[in-house]
Structure formats: C-alpha cells, structure tokens
Amino acid sequence: MIYAIDFDGTLCIDEYPAIGAPRLGVIDFVKAAQRGGDRFILWTCRNGAELSAAVEWCAAQGITFDAVNENLPENIAQYGVDCRKVYADRYIDDRNIVIDLPESWITRNYVGLEAAT
C-alpha cells in the first residue's frame, strides 16, 4: 500500500509555520504500517527550510519517507514523468472529505439536492 500523507494538521497539530504537537495516533499508525511494508510519501505544501524542518521533525518521531513531495521512483520510471499529484493508494490529510461512504459529509449535505431543485 502506498500512502501520501500531509504534515500540518495530520502528523502534527496545525500551527503553521511553526510545527505543532505530534498527533501520536497518526504517528503510531504510520510506524506500524511501515513495519508491515507499506510505503509513505510526505505530501505537503511546505518547501525550503520549512520542509526540511518537517522532515527532520518526522525523523525525530521515528518516521522516514520513501519520497517527499514527489512520486515514488518506480512510478516516475513507469510513466516517464513526476506529475504534480503524487500517486498513492490512500491519501491521509486533515482536510479530506470521504465521498463514498453513506455517512460521508458529501452524502449528508449534497446527495439528493439536485433532485429537489
């Protein structure tokens, strides 16, 4: 399994540009998944010194990444390009919306609205 995971608000409490407190449950999940052979791409808007600080912070938490803000090397080789959206089987982000579950935010707020108008 390949995961793309966000930093601010996901691995740590969002205090951008500072680095917030660790979200220990998420960190524990990442480490357990990596022990099981899953791969992780850090997928964040941070760049430059702020990105370096985030990667160092993650290393101090015991997390290293297979890629940072880029696709895995085998995907780049397969498609001949490192496109802007990284390929992953799952995306972990504090701002995501689950769209395919009956109780998702979209289902609760929008499904059926087009029939009512």
PDB file of N, CA and C in Angstrom:
ATOM      1  N   MET A   1       0.863  -1.180   0.000  1.00  0.00           N
ATOM      2  CA  MET A   1       0.000   0.000   0.000  1.00  0.00           C
ATOM      3  C   MET A   1       0.902   1.232   0.000  1.00  0.00           C
ATOM      4  N   ILE A   2       0.555   2.188  -0.817  1.00  0.00           N
ATOM      5  CA  ILE A   2       1.266   3.473  -0.850  1.00  0.00           C
ATOM      6  C   ILE A   2       0.338   4.530  -0.269  1.00  0.00           C
ATOM      7  N   TYR A   3       0.835   5.251   0.713  1.00  0.00           N
ATOM      8  CA  TYR A   3       0.096   6.347   1.331  1.00  0.00           C
ATOM      9  C   TYR A   3       0.793   7.667   1.031  1.00  0.00           C
ATOM     10  N   ALA A   4       0.020   8.683   0.700  1.00  0.00           N
ATOM     11  CA  ALA A   4       0.509  10.062   0.657  1.00  0.00           C
ATOM     12  C   ALA A   4      -0.070  10.728   1.901  1.00  0.00           C
ATOM     13  N   ILE A   5       0.795  11.308   2.729  1.00  0.00           N
ATOM     14  CA  ILE A   5       0.335  11.860   3.995  1.00  0.00           C
ATOM     15  C   ILE A   5       0.763  13.318   4.131  1.00  0.00           C
ATOM     16  N   ASP A   6      -0.166  14.117   4.581  1.00  0.00           N
ATOM     17  CA  ASP A   6       0.069  15.543   4.819  1.00  0.00           C
ATOM     18  C   ASP A   6       0.819  15.722   6.135  1.00  0.00           C
ATOM     19  N   PHE A   7       1.378  16.892   6.335  1.00  0.00           N
ATOM     20  CA  PHE A   7       2.114  17.174   7.564  1.00  0.00           C
ATOM     21  C   PHE A   7       1.284  18.007   8.541  1.00  0.00           C
ATOM     22  N   ASP A   8       1.088  19.297   8.237  1.00  0.00           N
ATOM     23  CA  ASP A   8       0.399  20.202   9.158  1.00  0.00           C
ATOM     24  C   ASP A   8      -1.060  19.794   9.324  1.00  0.00           C
ATOM     25  N   GLY A   9      -1.455  19.558  10.562  1.00  0.00           N
ATOM     26  CA  GLY A   9      -2.817  19.155  10.852  1.00  0.00           C
ATOM     27  C   GLY A   9      -3.026  17.654  10.782  1.00  0.00           C
ATOM     28  N   THR A  10      -2.064  16.924  10.254  1.00  0.00           N
ATOM     29  CA  THR A  10      -2.198  15.477  10.109  1.00  0.00           C
ATOM     30  C   THR A  10      -1.181  14.746  10.981  1.00  0.00           C
ATOM     31  N   LEU A  11       0.100  14.957  10.719  1.00  0.00           N
ATOM     32  CA  LEU A  11       1.125  14.360  11.578  1.00  0.00           C
ATOM     33  C   LEU A  11       1.332  15.177  12.850  1.00  0.00           C
ATOM     34  N   CYS A  12       1.027  16.453  12.773  1.00  0.00           N
ATOM     35  CA  CYS A  12       1.133  17.319  13.944  1.00  0.00           C
ATOM     36  C   CYS A  12      -0.059  18.272  13.959  1.00  0.00           C
ATOM     37  N   ILE A  13      -0.312  18.854  15.117  1.00  0.00           N
ATOM     38  CA  ILE A  13      -1.351  19.872  15.233  1.00  0.00           C
ATOM     39  C   ILE A  13      -0.954  21.041  14.337  1.00  0.00           C
ATOM     40  N   ASP A  14      -1.894  21.612  13.616  1.00  0.00           N
ATOM     41  CA  ASP A  14      -1.598  22.690  12.665  1.00  0.00           C
ATOM     42  C   ASP A  14      -1.306  23.995  13.388  1.00  0.00           C
ATOM     43  N   GLU A  15      -0.038  24.379  13.356  1.00  0.00           N
ATOM     44  CA  GLU A  15       0.397  25.673  13.897  1.00  0.00           C
ATOM     45  C   GLU A  15       1.320  26.360  12.895  1.00  0.00           C
ATOM     46  N   TYR A  16       1.097  26.060  11.610  1.00  0.00           N
ATOM     47  CA  TYR A  16       1.944  26.588  10.543  1.00  0.00           C
ATOM     48  C   TYR A  16       2.131  28.094  10.692  1.00  0.00           C
ATOM     49  N   PRO A  17       3.348  28.609  10.520  1.00  0.00           N
ATOM     50  CA  PRO A  17       4.559  27.945  10.039  1.00  0.00           C
ATOM     51  C   PRO A  17       5.352  27.197  11.113  1.00  0.00           C
ATOM     52  N   ALA A  18       4.954  27.332  12.377  1.00  0.00           N
ATOM     53  CA  ALA A  18       5.594  26.530  13.416  1.00  0.00           C
ATOM     54  C   ALA A  18       5.146  25.079  13.265  1.00  0.00           C
ATOM     55  N   ILE A  19       5.820  24.187  13.958  1.00  0.00           N
ATOM     56  CA  ILE A  19       5.431  22.784  13.970  1.00  0.00           C
ATOM     57  C   ILE A  19       4.718  22.512  15.278  1.00  0.00           C
ATOM     58  N   GLY A  20       3.503  22.043  15.187  1.00  0.00           N
ATOM     59  CA  GLY A  20       2.681  21.792  16.362  1.00  0.00           C
ATOM     60  C   GLY A  20       3.033  20.496  17.063  1.00  0.00           C
ATOM     61  N   ALA A  21       2.270  20.204  18.083  1.00  0.00           N
ATOM     62  CA  ALA A  21       2.466  18.976  18.854  1.00  0.00           C
ATOM     63  C   ALA A  21       2.168  17.758  17.994  1.00  0.00           C
ATOM     64  N   PRO A  22       2.862  16.664  18.246  1.00  0.00           N
ATOM     65  CA  PRO A  22       2.637  15.454  17.453  1.00  0.00           C
ATOM     66  C   PRO A  22       1.248  14.872  17.669  1.00  0.00           C
ATOM     67  N   ARG A  23       0.675  14.350  16.597  1.00  0.00           N
ATOM     68  CA  ARG A  23      -0.580  13.596  16.681  1.00  0.00           C
ATOM     69  C   ARG A  23      -0.168  12.125  16.788  1.00  0.00           C
ATOM     70  N   LEU A  24      -0.034  11.681  18.033  1.00  0.00           N
ATOM     71  CA  LEU A  24       0.592  10.390  18.320  1.00  0.00           C
ATOM     72  C   LEU A  24      -0.134   9.207  17.691  1.00  0.00           C
ATOM     73  N   GLY A  25      -1.447   9.255  17.619  1.00  0.00           N
ATOM     74  CA  GLY A  25      -2.175   8.160  16.989  1.00  0.00           C
ATOM     75  C   GLY A  25      -1.826   8.008  15.525  1.00  0.00           C
ATOM     76  N   VAL A  26      -1.684   9.119  14.836  1.00  0.00           N
ATOM     77  CA  VAL A  26      -1.316   9.087  13.412  1.00  0.00           C
ATOM     78  C   VAL A  26       0.116   8.591  13.266  1.00  0.00           C
ATOM     79  N   ILE A  27       0.996   9.097  14.098  1.00  0.00           N
ATOM     80  CA  ILE A  27       2.403   8.681  14.041  1.00  0.00           C
ATOM     81  C   ILE A  27       2.523   7.184  14.321  1.00  0.00           C
ATOM     82  N   ASP A  28       1.808   6.692  15.316  1.00  0.00           N
ATOM     83  CA  ASP A  28       1.832   5.257  15.610  1.00  0.00           C
ATOM     84  C   ASP A  28       1.321   4.437  14.438  1.00  0.00           C
ATOM     85  N   PHE A  29       0.263   4.919  13.772  1.00  0.00           N
ATOM     86  CA  PHE A  29      -0.259   4.222  12.591  1.00  0.00           C
ATOM     87  C   PHE A  29       0.799   4.150  11.498  1.00  0.00           C
ATOM     88  N   VAL A  30       1.461   5.270  11.213  1.00  0.00           N
ATOM     89  CA  VAL A  30       2.468   5.303  10.150  1.00  0.00           C
ATOM     90  C   VAL A  30       3.578   4.303  10.447  1.00  0.00           C
ATOM     91  N   LYS A  31       4.080   4.317  11.661  1.00  0.00           N
ATOM     92  CA  LYS A  31       5.178   3.411  12.006  1.00  0.00           C
ATOM     93  C   LYS A  31       4.756   1.951  11.913  1.00  0.00           C
ATOM     94  N   ALA A  32       3.552   1.638  12.372  1.00  0.00           N
ATOM     95  CA  ALA A  32       3.058   0.259  12.285  1.00  0.00           C
ATOM     96  C   ALA A  32       2.884  -0.158  10.829  1.00  0.00           C
ATOM     97  N   ALA A  33       2.318   0.724  10.005  1.00  0.00           N
ATOM     98  CA  ALA A  33       2.118   0.417   8.586  1.00  0.00           C
ATOM     99  C   ALA A  33       3.463   0.227   7.885  1.00  0.00           C
ATOM    100  N   GLN A  34       4.452   1.049   8.224  1.00  0.00           N
ATOM    101  CA  GLN A  34       5.772   0.893   7.617  1.00  0.00           C
ATOM    102  C   GLN A  34       6.408  -0.431   8.025  1.00  0.00           C
ATOM    103  N   ARG A  35       6.238  -0.828   9.267  1.00  0.00           N
ATOM    104  CA  ARG A  35       6.759  -2.134   9.701  1.00  0.00           C
ATOM    105  C   ARG A  35       6.112  -3.258   8.898  1.00  0.00           C
ATOM    106  N   GLY A  36       4.882  -3.061   8.486  1.00  0.00           N
ATOM    107  CA  GLY A  36       4.172  -4.047   7.679  1.00  0.00           C
ATOM    108  C   GLY A  36       4.500  -3.987   6.198  1.00  0.00           C
ATOM    109  N   GLY A  37       5.359  -3.063   5.793  1.00  0.00           N
ATOM    110  CA  GLY A  37       5.783  -2.983   4.397  1.00  0.00           C
ATOM    111  C   GLY A  37       5.134  -1.883   3.582  1.00  0.00           C
ATOM    112  N   ASP A  38       4.223  -1.110   4.184  1.00  0.00           N
ATOM    113  CA  ASP A  38       3.604  -0.014   3.443  1.00  0.00           C
ATOM    114  C   ASP A  38       4.603   1.119   3.247  1.00  0.00           C
ATOM    115  N   ARG A  39       4.365   1.893   2.197  1.00  0.00           N
ATOM    116  CA  ARG A  39       5.276   2.989   1.839  1.00  0.00           C
ATOM    117  C   ARG A  39       4.552   4.312   2.005  1.00  0.00           C
ATOM    118  N   PHE A  40       5.333   5.350   2.358  1.00  0.00           N
ATOM    119  CA  PHE A  40       4.758   6.659   2.639  1.00  0.00           C
ATOM    120  C   PHE A  40       5.481   7.754   1.877  1.00  0.00           C
ATOM    121  N   ILE A  41       4.653   8.642   1.316  1.00  0.00           N
ATOM    122  CA  ILE A  41       5.140   9.864   0.668  1.00  0.00           C
ATOM    123  C   ILE A  41       4.672  11.024   1.534  1.00  0.00           C
ATOM    124  N   LEU A  42       5.595  11.873   1.964  1.00  0.00           N
ATOM    125  CA  LEU A  42       5.196  13.099   2.644  1.00  0.00           C
ATOM    126  C   LEU A  42       4.701  14.043   1.560  1.00  0.00           C
ATOM    127  N   TRP A  43       3.447  14.487   1.683  1.00  0.00           N
ATOM    128  CA  TRP A  43       2.789  15.304   0.661  1.00  0.00           C
ATOM    129  C   TRP A  43       2.291  16.564   1.344  1.00  0.00           C
ATOM    130  N   THR A  44       3.060  17.637   1.216  1.00  0.00           N
ATOM    131  CA  THR A  44       2.811  18.853   1.976  1.00  0.00           C
ATOM    132  C   THR A  44       3.059  20.089   1.121  1.00  0.00           C
ATOM    133  N   CYS A  45       2.457  21.190   1.518  1.00  0.00           N
ATOM    134  CA  CYS A  45       2.707  22.466   0.837  1.00  0.00           C
ATOM    135  C   CYS A  45       3.997  23.117   1.319  1.00  0.00           C
ATOM    136  N   ARG A  46       4.578  22.606   2.390  1.00  0.00           N
ATOM    137  CA  ARG A  46       5.833  23.175   2.888  1.00  0.00           C
ATOM    138  C   ARG A  46       6.926  23.026   1.836  1.00  0.00           C
ATOM    139  N   ASN A  47       7.848  24.001   1.820  1.00  0.00           N
ATOM    140  CA  ASN A  47       9.012  23.899   0.949  1.00  0.00           C
ATOM    141  C   ASN A  47      10.195  24.588   1.617  1.00  0.00           C
ATOM    142  N   GLY A  48      11.355  24.457   1.028  1.00  0.00           N
ATOM    143  CA  GLY A  48      12.550  25.098   1.540  1.00  0.00           C
ATOM    144  C   GLY A  48      12.877  24.675   2.970  1.00  0.00           C
ATOM    145  N   ALA A  49      13.260  25.671   3.784  1.00  0.00           N
ATOM    146  CA  ALA A  49      13.652  25.401   5.171  1.00  0.00           C
ATOM    147  C   ALA A  49      12.505  24.819   5.986  1.00  0.00           C
ATOM    148  N   GLU A  50      11.273  25.247   5.693  1.00  0.00           N
ATOM    149  CA  GLU A  50      10.121  24.711   6.430  1.00  0.00           C
ATOM    150  C   GLU A  50       9.900  23.233   6.118  1.00  0.00           C
ATOM    151  N   LEU A  51      10.140  22.834   4.873  1.00  0.00           N
ATOM    152  CA  LEU A  51      10.031  21.425   4.508  1.00  0.00           C
ATOM    153  C   LEU A  51      11.140  20.623   5.188  1.00  0.00           C
ATOM    154  N   SER A  52      12.345  21.138   5.159  1.00  0.00           N
ATOM    155  CA  SER A  52      13.455  20.449   5.818  1.00  0.00           C
ATOM    156  C   SER A  52      13.182  20.260   7.300  1.00  0.00           C
ATOM    157  N   ALA A  53      12.630  21.285   7.947  1.00  0.00           N
ATOM    158  CA  ALA A  53      12.298  21.191   9.371  1.00  0.00           C
ATOM    159  C   ALA A  53      11.251  20.106   9.610  1.00  0.00           C
ATOM    160  N   ALA A  54      10.260  20.000   8.720  1.00  0.00           N
ATOM    161  CA  ALA A  54       9.219  18.986   8.861  1.00  0.00           C
ATOM    162  C   ALA A  54       9.803  17.587   8.712  1.00  0.00           C
ATOM    163  N   VAL A  55      10.672  17.389   7.735  1.00  0.00           N
ATOM    164  CA  VAL A  55      11.290  16.076   7.519  1.00  0.00           C
ATOM    165  C   VAL A  55      12.150  15.705   8.723  1.00  0.00           C
ATOM    166  N   GLU A  56      12.902  16.660   9.245  1.00  0.00           N
ATOM    167  CA  GLU A  56      13.726  16.403  10.438  1.00  0.00           C
ATOM    168  C   GLU A  56      12.854  16.081  11.645  1.00  0.00           C
ATOM    169  N   TRP A  57      11.752  16.796  11.802  1.00  0.00           N
ATOM    170  CA  TRP A  57      10.824  16.555  12.908  1.00  0.00           C
ATOM    171  C   TRP A  57      10.268  15.132  12.812  1.00  0.00           C
ATOM    172  N   CYS A  58       9.881  14.729  11.614  1.00  0.00           N
ATOM    173  CA  CYS A  58       9.359  13.381  11.419  1.00  0.00           C
ATOM    174  C   CYS A  58      10.421  12.332  11.755  1.00  0.00           C
ATOM    175  N   ALA A  59      11.655  12.561  11.340  1.00  0.00           N
ATOM    176  CA  ALA A  59      12.731  11.619  11.656  1.00  0.00           C
ATOM    177  C   ALA A  59      12.900  11.492  13.166  1.00  0.00           C
ATOM    178  N   ALA A  60      12.765  12.609  13.881  1.00  0.00           N
ATOM    179  CA  ALA A  60      12.861  12.575  15.344  1.00  0.00           C
ATOM    180  C   ALA A  60      11.711  11.783  15.963  1.00  0.00           C
ATOM    181  N   GLN A  61      10.580  11.685  15.246  1.00  0.00           N
ATOM    182  CA  GLN A  61       9.429  10.898  15.704  1.00  0.00           C
ATOM    183  C   GLN A  61       9.562   9.431  15.290  1.00  0.00           C
ATOM    184  N   GLY A  62      10.605   9.106  14.519  1.00  0.00           N
ATOM    185  CA  GLY A  62      10.812   7.740  14.069  1.00  0.00           C
ATOM    186  C   GLY A  62      10.210   7.435  12.709  1.00  0.00           C
ATOM    187  N   ILE A  63       9.900   8.484  11.934  1.00  0.00           N
ATOM    188  CA  ILE A  63       9.294   8.299  10.612  1.00  0.00           C
ATOM    189  C   ILE A  63      10.255   8.799   9.538  1.00  0.00           C
ATOM    190  N   THR A  64      10.534   7.935   8.577  1.00  0.00           N
ATOM    191  CA  THR A  64      11.244   8.346   7.367  1.00  0.00           C
ATOM    192  C   THR A  64      10.310   8.071   6.195  1.00  0.00           C
ATOM    193  N   PHE A  65      10.535   8.758   5.102  1.00  0.00           N
ATOM    194  CA  PHE A  65       9.634   8.672   3.955  1.00  0.00           C
ATOM    195  C   PHE A  65      10.326   8.045   2.754  1.00  0.00           C
ATOM    196  N   ASP A  66       9.521   7.407   1.924  1.00  0.00           N
ATOM    197  CA  ASP A  66      10.028   6.837   0.683  1.00  0.00           C
ATOM    198  C   ASP A  66      10.187   7.918  -0.389  1.00  0.00           C
ATOM    199  N   ALA A  67       9.459   9.007  -0.220  1.00  0.00           N
ATOM    200  CA  ALA A  67       9.564  10.165  -1.113  1.00  0.00           C
ATOM    201  C   ALA A  67       8.994  11.369  -0.368  1.00  0.00           C
ATOM    202  N   VAL A  68       9.410  12.542  -0.796  1.00  0.00           N
ATOM    203  CA  VAL A  68       8.915  13.789  -0.204  1.00  0.00           C
ATOM    204  C   VAL A  68       8.474  14.697  -1.345  1.00  0.00           C
ATOM    205  N   ASN A  69       7.172  14.967  -1.386  1.00  0.00           N
ATOM    206  CA  ASN A  69       6.575  15.843  -2.406  1.00  0.00           C
ATOM    207  C   ASN A  69       6.892  15.413  -3.830  1.00  0.00           C
ATOM    208  N   GLU A  70       7.061  14.115  -4.029  1.00  0.00           N
ATOM    209  CA  GLU A  70       7.258  13.586  -5.376  1.00  0.00           C
ATOM    210  C   GLU A  70       6.806  12.145  -5.402  1.00  0.00           C
ATOM    211  N   ASN A  71       6.617  11.640  -6.589  1.00  0.00           N
ATOM    212  CA  ASN A  71       6.199  10.256  -6.754  1.00  0.00           C
ATOM    213  C   ASN A  71       7.335   9.308  -6.406  1.00  0.00           C
ATOM    214  N   LEU A  72       6.973   8.056  -6.141  1.00  0.00           N
ATOM    215  CA  LEU A  72       7.985   7.039  -5.911  1.00  0.00           C
ATOM    216  C   LEU A  72       8.784   6.829  -7.194  1.00  0.00           C
ATOM    217  N   PRO A  73      10.071   6.525  -7.065  1.00  0.00           N
ATOM    218  CA  PRO A  73      10.917   6.383  -8.264  1.00  0.00           C
ATOM    219  C   PRO A  73      10.365   5.414  -9.305  1.00  0.00           C
ATOM    220  N   GLU A  74       9.774   4.299  -8.871  1.00  0.00           N
ATOM    221  CA  GLU A  74       9.265   3.335  -9.853  1.00  0.00           C
ATOM    222  C   GLU A  74       8.077   3.892 -10.630  1.00  0.00           C
ATOM    223  N   ASN A  75       7.288   4.774 -10.030  1.00  0.00           N
ATOM    224  CA  ASN A  75       6.174   5.393 -10.756  1.00  0.00           C
ATOM    225  C   ASN A  75       6.683   6.430 -11.746  1.00  0.00           C
ATOM    226  N   ILE A  76       7.715   7.153 -11.371  1.00  0.00           N
ATOM    227  CA  ILE A  76       8.320   8.114 -12.306  1.00  0.00           C
ATOM    228  C   ILE A  76       8.897   7.353 -13.504  1.00  0.00           C
ATOM    229  N   ALA A  77       9.586   6.248 -13.232  1.00  0.00           N
ATOM    230  CA  ALA A  77      10.166   5.445 -14.320  1.00  0.00           C
ATOM    231  C   ALA A  77       9.073   4.861 -15.214  1.00  0.00           C
ATOM    232  N   GLN A  78       7.993   4.385 -14.619  1.00  0.00           N
ATOM    233  CA  GLN A  78       6.927   3.756 -15.399  1.00  0.00           C
ATOM    234  C   GLN A  78       6.245   4.748 -16.328  1.00  0.00           C
ATOM    235  N   TYR A  79       5.978   5.959 -15.844  1.00  0.00           N
ATOM    236  CA  TYR A  79       5.216   6.930 -16.634  1.00  0.00           C
ATOM    237  C   TYR A  79       6.083   7.998 -17.294  1.00  0.00           C
ATOM    238  N   GLY A  80       7.362   8.030 -16.946  1.00  0.00           N
ATOM    239  CA  GLY A  80       8.277   8.957 -17.585  1.00  0.00           C
ATOM    240  C   GLY A  80       8.127  10.400 -17.140  1.00  0.00           C
ATOM    241  N   VAL A  81       7.407  10.618 -16.043  1.00  0.00           N
ATOM    242  CA  VAL A  81       7.198  11.983 -15.570  1.00  0.00           C
ATOM    243  C   VAL A  81       6.880  11.941 -14.072  1.00  0.00           C
ATOM    244  N   ASP A  82       7.243  13.006 -13.379  1.00  0.00           N
ATOM    245  CA  ASP A  82       6.868  13.156 -11.973  1.00  0.00           C
ATOM    246  C   ASP A  82       5.800  14.244 -11.925  1.00  0.00           C
ATOM    247  N   CYS A  83       4.541  13.834 -12.116  1.00  0.00           N
ATOM    248  CA  CYS A  83       3.455  14.808 -12.187  1.00  0.00           C
ATOM    249  C   CYS A  83       3.220  15.467 -10.828  1.00  0.00           C
ATOM    250  N   ARG A  84       2.509  16.564 -10.820  1.00  0.00           N
ATOM    251  CA  ARG A  84       2.276  17.325  -9.586  1.00  0.00           C
ATOM    252  C   ARG A  84       1.501  16.545  -8.541  1.00  0.00           C
ATOM    253  N   LYS A  85       0.513  15.782  -8.940  1.00  0.00           N
ATOM    254  CA  LYS A  85      -0.245  14.990  -7.970  1.00  0.00           C
ATOM    255  C   LYS A  85       0.454  13.654  -7.808  1.00  0.00           C
ATOM    256  N   VAL A  86       0.904  13.386  -6.589  1.00  0.00           N
ATOM    257  CA  VAL A  86       1.582  12.117  -6.358  1.00  0.00           C
ATOM    258  C   VAL A  86       0.576  10.975  -6.407  1.00  0.00           C
ATOM    259  N   TYR A  87       1.041   9.828  -6.910  1.00  0.00           N
ATOM    260  CA  TYR A  87       0.197   8.646  -6.939  1.00  0.00           C
ATOM    261  C   TYR A  87       0.286   7.956  -5.580  1.00  0.00           C
ATOM    262  N   ALA A  88      -0.873   7.593  -5.028  1.00  0.00           N
ATOM    263  CA  ALA A  88      -0.941   6.802  -3.803  1.00  0.00           C
ATOM    264  C   ALA A  88      -2.223   5.980  -3.843  1.00  0.00           C
ATOM    265  N   ASP A  89      -2.227   4.902  -3.058  1.00  0.00           N
ATOM    266  CA  ASP A  89      -3.450   4.126  -2.896  1.00  0.00           C
ATOM    267  C   ASP A  89      -4.410   4.829  -1.945  1.00  0.00           C
ATOM    268  N   ARG A  90      -3.867   5.537  -0.975  1.00  0.00           N
ATOM    269  CA  ARG A  90      -4.659   6.285   0.008  1.00  0.00           C
ATOM    270  C   ARG A  90      -3.979   7.603   0.304  1.00  0.00           C
ATOM    271  N   TYR A  91      -4.791   8.630   0.513  1.00  0.00           N
ATOM    272  CA  TYR A  91      -4.303   9.962   0.860  1.00  0.00           C
ATOM    273  C   TYR A  91      -4.795  10.287   2.270  1.00  0.00           C
ATOM    274  N   ILE A  92      -3.868  10.642   3.153  1.00  0.00           N
ATOM    275  CA  ILE A  92      -4.211  10.954   4.540  1.00  0.00           C
ATOM    276  C   ILE A  92      -3.985  12.444   4.737  1.00  0.00           C
ATOM    277  N   ASP A  93      -5.074  13.167   5.022  1.00  0.00           N
ATOM    278  CA  ASP A  93      -4.996  14.620   5.131  1.00  0.00           C
ATOM    279  C   ASP A  93      -6.094  15.101   6.066  1.00  0.00           C
ATOM    280  N   ASP A  94      -5.782  16.046   6.905  1.00  0.00           N
ATOM    281  CA  ASP A  94      -6.773  16.555   7.853  1.00  0.00           C
ATOM    282  C   ASP A  94      -7.913  17.288   7.165  1.00  0.00           C
ATOM    283  N   ARG A  95      -7.774  17.609   5.906  1.00  0.00           N
ATOM    284  CA  ARG A  95      -8.812  18.357   5.205  1.00  0.00           C
ATOM    285  C   ARG A  95      -9.546  17.527   4.161  1.00  0.00           C
ATOM    286  N   ASN A  96      -9.394  16.220   4.210  1.00  0.00           N
ATOM    287  CA  ASN A  96     -10.061  15.418   3.184  1.00  0.00           C
ATOM    288  C   ASN A  96     -11.546  15.264   3.479  1.00  0.00           C
ATOM    289  N   ILE A  97     -12.276  14.869   2.468  1.00  0.00           N
ATOM    290  CA  ILE A  97     -13.695  14.549   2.580  1.00  0.00           C
ATOM    291  C   ILE A  97     -13.866  13.152   1.996  1.00  0.00           C
ATOM    292  N   VAL A  98     -14.409  12.256   2.778  1.00  0.00           N
ATOM    293  CA  VAL A  98     -14.676  10.909   2.281  1.00  0.00           C
ATOM    294  C   VAL A  98     -15.946  10.989   1.439  1.00  0.00           C
ATOM    295  N   ILE A  99     -15.861  10.545   0.198  1.00  0.00           N
ATOM    296  CA  ILE A  99     -17.000  10.735  -0.702  1.00  0.00           C
ATOM    297  C   ILE A  99     -17.805   9.479  -0.970  1.00  0.00           C
ATOM    298  N   ASP A 100     -17.317   8.312  -0.581  1.00  0.00           N
ATOM    299  CA  ASP A 100     -18.010   7.091  -0.992  1.00  0.00           C
ATOM    300  C   ASP A 100     -18.661   6.314   0.145  1.00  0.00           C
ATOM    301  N   LEU A 101     -18.806   6.904   1.288  1.00  0.00           N
ATOM    302  CA  LEU A 101     -19.459   6.225   2.405  1.00  0.00           C
ATOM    303  C   LEU A 101     -20.836   6.835   2.646  1.00  0.00           C
ATOM    304  N   PRO A 102     -21.822   6.034   3.055  1.00  0.00           N
ATOM    305  CA  PRO A 102     -23.188   6.551   3.249  1.00  0.00           C
ATOM    306  C   PRO A 102     -23.264   7.716   4.227  1.00  0.00           C
ATOM    307  N   GLU A 103     -22.409   7.749   5.209  1.00  0.00           N
ATOM    308  CA  GLU A 103     -22.459   8.815   6.201  1.00  0.00           C
ATOM    309  C   GLU A 103     -21.416   9.905   5.950  1.00  0.00           C
ATOM    310  N   SER A 104     -20.902   9.992   4.739  1.00  0.00           N
ATOM    311  CA  SER A 104     -19.890  10.993   4.449  1.00  0.00           C
ATOM    312  C   SER A 104     -20.497  12.392   4.445  1.00  0.00           C
ATOM    313  N   TRP A 105     -19.648  13.374   4.548  1.00  0.00           N
ATOM    314  CA  TRP A 105     -20.070  14.777   4.553  1.00  0.00           C
ATOM    315  C   TRP A 105     -20.821  15.112   3.270  1.00  0.00           C
ATOM    316  N   ILE A 106     -20.332  14.656   2.147  1.00  0.00           N
ATOM    317  CA  ILE A 106     -20.989  14.942   0.870  1.00  0.00           C
ATOM    318  C   ILE A 106     -22.374  14.309   0.833  1.00  0.00           C
ATOM    319  N   THR A 107     -22.475  13.055   1.255  1.00  0.00           N
ATOM    320  CA  THR A 107     -23.776  12.380   1.259  1.00  0.00           C
ATOM    321  C   THR A 107     -24.757  13.109   2.159  1.00  0.00           C
ATOM    322  N   ARG A 108     -24.332  13.465   3.349  1.00  0.00           N
ATOM    323  CA  ARG A 108     -25.213  14.143   4.307  1.00  0.00           C
ATOM    324  C   ARG A 108     -25.651  15.518   3.812  1.00  0.00           C
ATOM    325  N   ASN A 109     -24.797  16.207   3.063  1.00  0.00           N
ATOM    326  CA  ASN A 109     -25.079  17.595   2.723  1.00  0.00           C
ATOM    327  C   ASN A 109     -25.513  17.840   1.284  1.00  0.00           C
ATOM    328  N   TYR A 110     -25.206  16.924   0.368  1.00  0.00           N
ATOM    329  CA  TYR A 110     -25.464  17.236  -1.038  1.00  0.00           C
ATOM    330  C   TYR A 110     -26.205  16.175  -1.833  1.00  0.00           C
ATOM    331  N   VAL A 111     -26.046  14.915  -1.502  1.00  0.00           N
ATOM    332  CA  VAL A 111     -26.707  13.883  -2.300  1.00  0.00           C
ATOM    333  C   VAL A 111     -28.218  14.057  -2.213  1.00  0.00           C
ATOM    334  N   GLY A 112     -28.865  14.077  -3.330  1.00  0.00           N
ATOM    335  CA  GLY A 112     -30.292  14.255  -3.386  1.00  0.00           C
ATOM    336  C   GLY A 112     -30.737  15.701  -3.589  1.00  0.00           C
ATOM    337  N   LEU A 113     -29.819  16.635  -3.442  1.00  0.00           N
ATOM    338  CA  LEU A 113     -30.189  18.046  -3.620  1.00  0.00           C
ATOM    339  C   LEU A 113     -30.573  18.348  -5.054  1.00  0.00           C
ATOM    340  N   GLU A 114     -29.881  17.732  -6.020  1.00  0.00           N
ATOM    341  CA  GLU A 114     -30.196  18.030  -7.413  1.00  0.00           C
ATOM    342  C   GLU A 114     -31.606  17.563  -7.761  1.00  0.00           C
ATOM    343  N   ALA A 115     -32.105  16.514  -7.112  1.00  0.00           N
ATOM    344  CA  ALA A 115     -33.458  16.038  -7.374  1.00  0.00           C
ATOM    345  C   ALA A 115     -34.506  16.995  -6.782  1.00  0.00           C
ATOM    346  N   ALA A 116     -34.123  17.720  -5.737  1.00  0.00           N
ATOM    347  CA  ALA A 116     -35.060  18.623  -5.057  1.00  0.00           C
ATOM    348  C   ALA A 116     -35.172  19.967  -5.783  1.00  0.00           C
ATOM    349  N   THR A 117     -34.237  20.255  -6.671  1.00  0.00           N
ATOM    350  CA  THR A 117     -34.287  21.557  -7.347  1.00  0.00           C
ATOM    351  C   THR A 117     -34.906  21.484  -8.715  1.00  0.00           C
TER     352      THR A 117
END
